[in-house]
Amino acid sequence: MCLAVPGQVIEITDNDNVRMGKVDFGGVIKEVCLEYVPEIQLGDYTIVHVGFALSKLDEESAKETLKAFEEMGLLQEEFDEWKEIE
């Protein structure tokens, strides 16, 4: 399905001059590219689509969206599809 999923940035690194980070999606942690959101800092929430952070998001909206995705069973489905891409 390839949804844009909100998550919290828990680590920021530099990988060959590419800004990368680990993002926590309600307990599932993935490495994502942060190049498109240079303003993102540790603890911020971001919307991630196929491994790329696209925008900053407020915490309340992020948590509401994660909860709704999980209740609909879309969160696990999304991460299963993401595994196929990696």
Protein backbone atom coordinates (compact mmCIF):
# COMPACT_ATOMS: atom_id res chain seq x y z
CA MET A 1 0.00 0.00 0.00
CA CYS A 2 2.91 2.36 0.74
CA LEU A 3 1.50 4.79 3.27
CA ALA A 4 3.35 7.78 4.66
CA VAL A 5 3.84 6.78 8.30
CA PRO A 6 4.63 9.09 11.23
CA GLY A 7 7.49 8.28 13.58
CA GLN A 8 9.81 9.83 16.15
CA VAL A 9 13.46 10.50 15.36
CA ILE A 10 15.57 8.72 17.99
CA GLU A 11 19.01 8.98 16.36
CA ILE A 12 20.64 11.17 13.71
CA THR A 13 23.81 10.16 11.87
CA ASP A 14 25.84 11.10 8.82
CA ASN A 15 26.36 8.33 6.29
CA ASP A 16 28.79 9.44 3.56
CA ASN A 17 27.48 13.03 3.74
CA VAL A 18 23.86 11.89 3.74
CA ARG A 19 21.80 12.78 6.81
CA MET A 20 20.23 9.57 8.11
CA GLY A 21 18.37 8.65 11.26
CA LYS A 22 16.62 5.95 13.18
CA VAL A 23 12.90 6.52 13.50
CA ASP A 24 10.58 4.80 15.97
CA PHE A 25 7.17 3.95 14.51
CA GLY A 26 5.39 2.89 17.69
CA GLY A 27 7.97 0.24 18.56
CA VAL A 28 9.20 -0.59 15.06
CA ILE A 29 12.54 1.14 14.41
CA LYS A 30 13.75 1.79 10.87
CA GLU A 31 16.65 3.71 9.35
CA VAL A 32 15.45 6.55 7.12
CA CYS A 33 16.94 9.32 5.03
CA LEU A 34 16.53 12.76 6.65
CA GLU A 35 17.97 14.85 3.78
CA TYR A 36 14.61 16.37 2.81
CA VAL A 37 13.93 17.67 6.34
CA PRO A 38 17.11 19.41 7.54
CA GLU A 39 15.16 21.06 10.38
CA ILE A 40 14.36 17.71 12.04
CA GLN A 41 16.01 17.22 15.44
CA LEU A 42 16.17 14.36 17.94
CA GLY A 43 12.73 13.75 19.45
CA ASP A 44 10.85 15.36 16.56
CA TYR A 45 8.17 13.51 14.63
CA THR A 46 8.28 13.12 10.88
CA ILE A 47 6.23 11.58 8.10
CA VAL A 48 8.18 8.81 6.32
CA HIS A 49 7.40 7.33 2.92
CA VAL A 50 9.45 4.41 1.54
CA GLY A 51 12.43 5.26 3.70
CA PHE A 52 12.48 9.05 3.23
CA ALA A 53 11.38 11.60 5.84
CA LEU A 54 9.17 14.11 4.04
CA SER A 55 8.02 16.64 6.64
CA LYS A 56 7.93 17.47 10.32
CA LEU A 57 4.76 16.60 12.26
CA ASP A 58 3.50 17.52 15.71
CA GLU A 59 3.50 14.78 18.35
CA GLU A 60 -0.28 14.67 18.88
CA SER A 61 -1.03 14.18 15.18
CA ALA A 62 1.71 11.56 14.86
CA LYS A 63 0.38 9.51 17.78
CA GLU A 64 -3.25 9.75 16.59
CA THR A 65 -2.26 8.58 13.11
CA LEU A 66 -0.12 5.69 14.41
CA LYS A 67 -2.99 4.56 16.63
CA ALA A 68 -5.48 4.69 13.75
CA PHE A 69 -3.13 2.78 11.42
CA GLU A 70 -2.57 0.12 14.08
CA GLU A 71 -6.30 -0.25 14.79
CA MET A 72 -6.97 -0.75 11.07
CA GLY A 73 -4.13 -3.27 10.78
CA LEU A 74 -2.34 -1.05 8.29
CA LEU A 75 0.84 -0.51 10.27
CA GLN A 76 2.08 -4.10 10.15
CA GLU A 77 1.03 -4.37 6.49
CA GLU A 78 3.05 -1.26 5.66
CA PHE A 79 6.19 -2.54 7.37
CA ASP A 80 5.86 -5.93 5.69
CA GLU A 81 5.80 -4.14 2.30
CA TRP A 82 8.76 -1.97 3.38
CA LYS A 83 10.80 -5.14 4.05
CA GLU A 84 10.25 -6.21 0.45
CA ILE A 85 11.66 -2.88 -0.78
CA GLU A 86 14.78 -2.92 1.45
